[in-house]
N, C-alpha and C. Protein backbone atom coordinates (compact mmCIF):
# COMPACT_ATOMS: atom_id res chain seq x y z
N UNK A 1 0.83 -1.20 0.00
CA UNK A 1 0.00 0.00 0.00
C UNK A 1 0.87 1.26 0.00
N UNK A 2 1.94 1.25 0.84
CA UNK A 2 2.83 2.41 0.89
C UNK A 2 3.54 2.61 -0.44
N UNK A 3 3.94 1.52 -1.08
CA UNK A 3 4.62 1.61 -2.36
C UNK A 3 3.70 2.23 -3.41
N UNK A 4 2.43 1.85 -3.41
CA UNK A 4 1.46 2.40 -4.36
C UNK A 4 1.27 3.90 -4.13
N UNK A 5 1.18 4.31 -2.88
CA UNK A 5 1.01 5.73 -2.54
C UNK A 5 2.24 6.52 -2.97
N UNK A 6 3.43 5.94 -2.75
CA UNK A 6 4.67 6.59 -3.15
C UNK A 6 4.74 6.76 -4.66
N UNK A 7 4.33 5.75 -5.40
CA UNK A 7 4.32 5.82 -6.87
C UNK A 7 3.37 6.90 -7.36
N UNK A 8 2.22 7.02 -6.71
CA UNK A 8 1.27 8.07 -7.07
C UNK A 8 1.86 9.46 -6.83
N UNK A 9 2.57 9.62 -5.74
CA UNK A 9 3.19 10.91 -5.44
C UNK A 9 4.24 11.26 -6.48
N UNK A 10 4.98 10.26 -6.96
CA UNK A 10 5.99 10.51 -7.99
C UNK A 10 5.32 10.98 -9.28
N UNK A 11 4.21 10.34 -9.66
CA UNK A 11 3.48 10.75 -10.86
C UNK A 11 2.95 12.17 -10.74
N UNK A 12 2.42 12.50 -9.59
CA UNK A 12 1.90 13.85 -9.37
C UNK A 12 3.02 14.87 -9.48
N UNK A 13 4.17 14.58 -8.87
CA UNK A 13 5.31 15.49 -8.96
C UNK A 13 5.80 15.62 -10.39
N UNK A 14 5.83 14.53 -11.13
CA UNK A 14 6.28 14.57 -12.52
C UNK A 14 5.34 15.42 -13.38
N UNK A 15 4.06 15.28 -13.17
CA UNK A 15 3.09 16.08 -13.92
C UNK A 15 3.25 17.56 -13.60
N UNK A 16 3.47 17.89 -12.34
CA UNK A 16 3.66 19.28 -11.94
C UNK A 16 4.91 19.86 -12.60
N UNK A 17 6.02 19.12 -12.57
CA UNK A 17 7.26 19.59 -13.17
C UNK A 17 7.10 19.76 -14.67
N UNK A 18 6.50 18.78 -15.34
CA UNK A 18 6.28 18.87 -16.78
C UNK A 18 5.42 20.08 -17.12
N UNK A 19 4.37 20.31 -16.35
CA UNK A 19 3.48 21.45 -16.59
C UNK A 19 4.19 22.77 -16.45
N UNK A 20 5.11 22.85 -15.50
CA UNK A 20 5.83 24.11 -15.31
C UNK A 20 6.87 24.33 -16.40
N UNK A 21 7.37 23.26 -17.02
CA UNK A 21 8.35 23.39 -18.09
C UNK A 21 7.70 23.74 -19.42
N UNK A 22 6.45 23.35 -19.61
CA UNK A 22 5.77 23.57 -20.86
C UNK A 22 5.58 25.05 -21.13
N UNK A 23 5.34 25.84 -20.13
CA UNK A 23 5.16 27.26 -20.30
C UNK A 23 3.72 27.68 -20.16
N UNK A 24 3.53 28.95 -20.24
CA UNK A 24 2.22 29.51 -19.99
C UNK A 24 1.96 30.64 -20.97
N UNK A 25 0.74 30.76 -21.40
CA UNK A 25 0.33 31.87 -22.26
C UNK A 25 -1.09 32.27 -21.87
N UNK A 26 -1.31 33.57 -21.73
CA UNK A 26 -2.64 34.08 -21.39
C UNK A 26 -3.05 35.14 -22.40
N UNK A 27 -4.35 35.32 -22.55
CA UNK A 27 -4.89 36.33 -23.44
C UNK A 27 -5.89 37.18 -22.67
N UNK A 28 -5.75 38.49 -22.81
CA UNK A 28 -6.65 39.43 -22.15
C UNK A 28 -7.22 40.39 -23.19
N UNK A 29 -8.56 40.45 -23.34
CA UNK A 29 -9.12 41.39 -24.29
C UNK A 29 -8.95 42.82 -23.79
N UNK A 30 -8.49 43.70 -24.66
CA UNK A 30 -8.33 45.12 -24.32
C UNK A 30 -8.74 45.96 -25.53
N UNK A 31 -8.97 47.23 -25.30
CA UNK A 31 -9.28 48.15 -26.40
C UNK A 31 -7.95 48.63 -26.98
N UNK A 32 -7.80 48.41 -28.28
CA UNK A 32 -6.55 48.76 -28.96
C UNK A 32 -6.46 50.22 -29.30
N UNK A 33 -5.35 50.63 -29.91
CA UNK A 33 -5.12 52.03 -30.25
C UNK A 33 -6.16 52.62 -31.20
N UNK A 34 -6.78 51.75 -32.02
CA UNK A 34 -7.79 52.25 -32.96
C UNK A 34 -9.21 52.19 -32.40
N UNK A 35 -9.35 51.82 -31.11
CA UNK A 35 -10.66 51.79 -30.47
C UNK A 35 -11.41 50.47 -30.61
N UNK A 36 -10.82 49.49 -31.27
CA UNK A 36 -11.46 48.19 -31.42
C UNK A 36 -10.84 47.20 -30.44
N UNK A 37 -11.54 46.05 -30.27
CA UNK A 37 -11.03 45.04 -29.34
C UNK A 37 -9.80 44.34 -29.92
N UNK A 38 -8.78 44.25 -29.09
CA UNK A 38 -7.55 43.52 -29.40
C UNK A 38 -7.33 42.51 -28.30
N UNK A 39 -6.34 41.66 -28.46
CA UNK A 39 -5.98 40.67 -27.45
C UNK A 39 -4.53 40.94 -27.02
N UNK A 40 -4.32 41.07 -25.71
CA UNK A 40 -2.97 41.19 -25.18
C UNK A 40 -2.54 39.79 -24.77
N UNK A 41 -1.58 39.24 -25.49
CA UNK A 41 -1.09 37.88 -25.25
C UNK A 41 0.21 37.98 -24.46
N UNK A 42 0.26 37.34 -23.30
CA UNK A 42 1.46 37.29 -22.47
C UNK A 42 1.93 35.85 -22.40
N UNK A 43 3.25 35.64 -22.55
CA UNK A 43 3.75 34.27 -22.60
C UNK A 43 5.22 34.19 -22.22
N UNK A 44 5.67 32.94 -22.07
CA UNK A 44 7.06 32.67 -21.71
C UNK A 44 7.96 32.57 -22.93
N UNK A 45 7.39 32.40 -24.11
CA UNK A 45 8.19 32.33 -25.34
C UNK A 45 7.36 32.87 -26.50
N UNK A 46 8.04 33.36 -27.52
CA UNK A 46 7.35 33.92 -28.67
C UNK A 46 6.47 32.87 -29.33
N UNK A 47 6.96 31.64 -29.43
CA UNK A 47 6.17 30.57 -30.06
C UNK A 47 4.85 30.36 -29.33
N UNK A 48 4.89 30.37 -27.97
CA UNK A 48 3.65 30.22 -27.20
C UNK A 48 2.70 31.38 -27.47
N UNK A 49 3.25 32.59 -27.64
CA UNK A 49 2.39 33.74 -27.94
C UNK A 49 1.68 33.56 -29.28
N UNK A 50 2.43 33.11 -30.29
CA UNK A 50 1.82 32.89 -31.61
C UNK A 50 0.73 31.84 -31.54
N UNK A 51 1.00 30.75 -30.83
CA UNK A 51 0.01 29.68 -30.69
C UNK A 51 -1.24 30.18 -29.97
N UNK A 52 -1.06 30.97 -28.90
CA UNK A 52 -2.21 31.50 -28.16
C UNK A 52 -3.00 32.47 -29.02
N UNK A 53 -2.32 33.30 -29.81
CA UNK A 53 -3.01 34.24 -30.69
C UNK A 53 -3.86 33.50 -31.72
N UNK A 54 -3.31 32.44 -32.32
CA UNK A 54 -4.09 31.64 -33.28
C UNK A 54 -5.30 31.01 -32.60
N UNK A 55 -5.10 30.52 -31.37
CA UNK A 55 -6.20 29.89 -30.63
C UNK A 55 -7.30 30.90 -30.32
N UNK A 56 -6.92 32.05 -29.79
CA UNK A 56 -7.90 33.07 -29.38
C UNK A 56 -8.62 33.66 -30.60
N UNK A 57 -7.87 33.86 -31.67
CA UNK A 57 -8.45 34.50 -32.85
C UNK A 57 -9.08 33.51 -33.82
N UNK A 58 -8.95 32.24 -33.56
CA UNK A 58 -9.53 31.25 -34.46
C UNK A 58 -8.81 31.19 -35.79
N UNK A 59 -7.54 31.54 -35.79
CA UNK A 59 -6.76 31.45 -37.03
C UNK A 59 -5.89 32.67 -37.23
N UNK A 60 -6.34 33.55 -38.11
CA UNK A 60 -5.48 34.66 -38.51
C UNK A 60 -5.63 35.88 -37.61
N UNK A 61 -4.55 36.64 -37.54
CA UNK A 61 -4.50 37.84 -36.72
C UNK A 61 -3.39 38.75 -37.25
N UNK A 62 -3.41 39.99 -36.81
CA UNK A 62 -2.35 40.95 -37.15
C UNK A 62 -1.69 41.39 -35.85
N UNK A 63 -0.38 41.45 -35.86
CA UNK A 63 0.36 41.92 -34.69
C UNK A 63 0.35 43.45 -34.71
N UNK A 64 -0.16 44.05 -33.63
CA UNK A 64 -0.23 45.50 -33.50
C UNK A 64 1.04 46.03 -32.83
N UNK A 65 1.52 45.30 -31.80
CA UNK A 65 2.70 45.74 -31.05
C UNK A 65 3.31 44.54 -30.34
N UNK A 66 4.60 44.63 -30.03
CA UNK A 66 5.29 43.59 -29.28
C UNK A 66 6.12 44.21 -28.17
N UNK A 67 6.37 43.42 -27.13
CA UNK A 67 7.20 43.86 -26.02
C UNK A 67 7.83 42.63 -25.38
N UNK A 68 9.08 42.75 -24.96
CA UNK A 68 9.76 41.65 -24.30
C UNK A 68 10.53 42.21 -23.11
N UNK A 69 10.38 41.56 -21.96
CA UNK A 69 11.07 41.98 -20.74
C UNK A 69 11.92 40.84 -20.23
N UNK A 70 13.15 41.13 -19.87
CA UNK A 70 14.06 40.12 -19.34
C UNK A 70 14.42 40.48 -17.92
N UNK A 71 14.35 39.49 -17.04
CA UNK A 71 14.74 39.70 -15.64
C UNK A 71 15.47 38.45 -15.16
N UNK A 72 16.19 38.60 -14.07
CA UNK A 72 16.89 37.44 -13.55
C UNK A 72 17.31 37.67 -12.11
N UNK A 73 17.37 36.58 -11.34
CA UNK A 73 17.79 36.61 -9.95
C UNK A 73 18.61 35.36 -9.69
N UNK A 74 19.76 35.52 -9.07
CA UNK A 74 20.61 34.38 -8.68
C UNK A 74 20.88 33.41 -9.82
N UNK A 75 21.23 33.92 -10.96
CA UNK A 75 21.59 33.06 -12.08
C UNK A 75 20.43 32.54 -12.91
N UNK A 76 19.19 32.87 -12.55
CA UNK A 76 18.04 32.44 -13.36
C UNK A 76 17.66 33.55 -14.33
N UNK A 77 17.11 33.19 -15.44
CA UNK A 77 16.72 34.15 -16.45
C UNK A 77 15.25 33.94 -16.79
N UNK A 78 14.49 35.02 -16.79
CA UNK A 78 13.07 34.97 -17.11
C UNK A 78 12.80 35.97 -18.22
N UNK A 79 12.22 35.50 -19.31
CA UNK A 79 11.85 36.38 -20.42
C UNK A 79 10.34 36.33 -20.57
N UNK A 80 9.71 37.48 -20.45
CA UNK A 80 8.25 37.60 -20.61
C UNK A 80 7.97 38.36 -21.90
N UNK A 81 7.25 37.74 -22.80
CA UNK A 81 6.93 38.34 -24.09
C UNK A 81 5.45 38.71 -24.11
N UNK A 82 5.15 39.86 -24.73
CA UNK A 82 3.76 40.28 -24.89
C UNK A 82 3.53 40.68 -26.33
N UNK A 83 2.41 40.22 -26.87
CA UNK A 83 1.97 40.61 -28.20
C UNK A 83 0.61 41.26 -28.08
N UNK A 84 0.43 42.36 -28.74
CA UNK A 84 -0.90 42.95 -28.88
C UNK A 84 -1.35 42.59 -30.29
N UNK A 85 -2.43 41.81 -30.38
CA UNK A 85 -2.87 41.35 -31.70
C UNK A 85 -4.33 41.74 -31.93
N UNK A 86 -4.64 41.90 -33.19
CA UNK A 86 -6.01 42.16 -33.61
C UNK A 86 -6.45 40.98 -34.46
N UNK A 87 -7.51 40.33 -34.03
CA UNK A 87 -8.01 39.17 -34.77
C UNK A 87 -8.57 39.59 -36.12
N UNK A 88 -8.27 38.82 -37.15
CA UNK A 88 -8.76 39.08 -38.49
C UNK A 88 -10.10 38.37 -38.63
N UNK A 89 -11.17 39.11 -38.57
CA UNK A 89 -12.52 38.54 -38.60
C UNK A 89 -13.15 38.55 -39.99
N UNK A 90 -12.36 38.86 -41.01
CA UNK A 90 -12.95 38.94 -42.36
C UNK A 90 -13.00 37.62 -43.05
């Protein structure tokens, strides 16, 4: 019984670690510079931003603006990328 519980804990830890390595991307609707709805995509890598933009927009989109911030503490490096995109609804 203890061995089974220990194996389950290892699987849970592995899933958590894998999930944290995969990365994260979020989309927030905002009003863009032209007064229409745009999506602010924040992510850990440019590729994740592009994938999230395609997902949110259902395919095609136009990049309105980009921003990338780099930070680091004690030898770690964190790059946060943001894309402001306008979904192509035509």
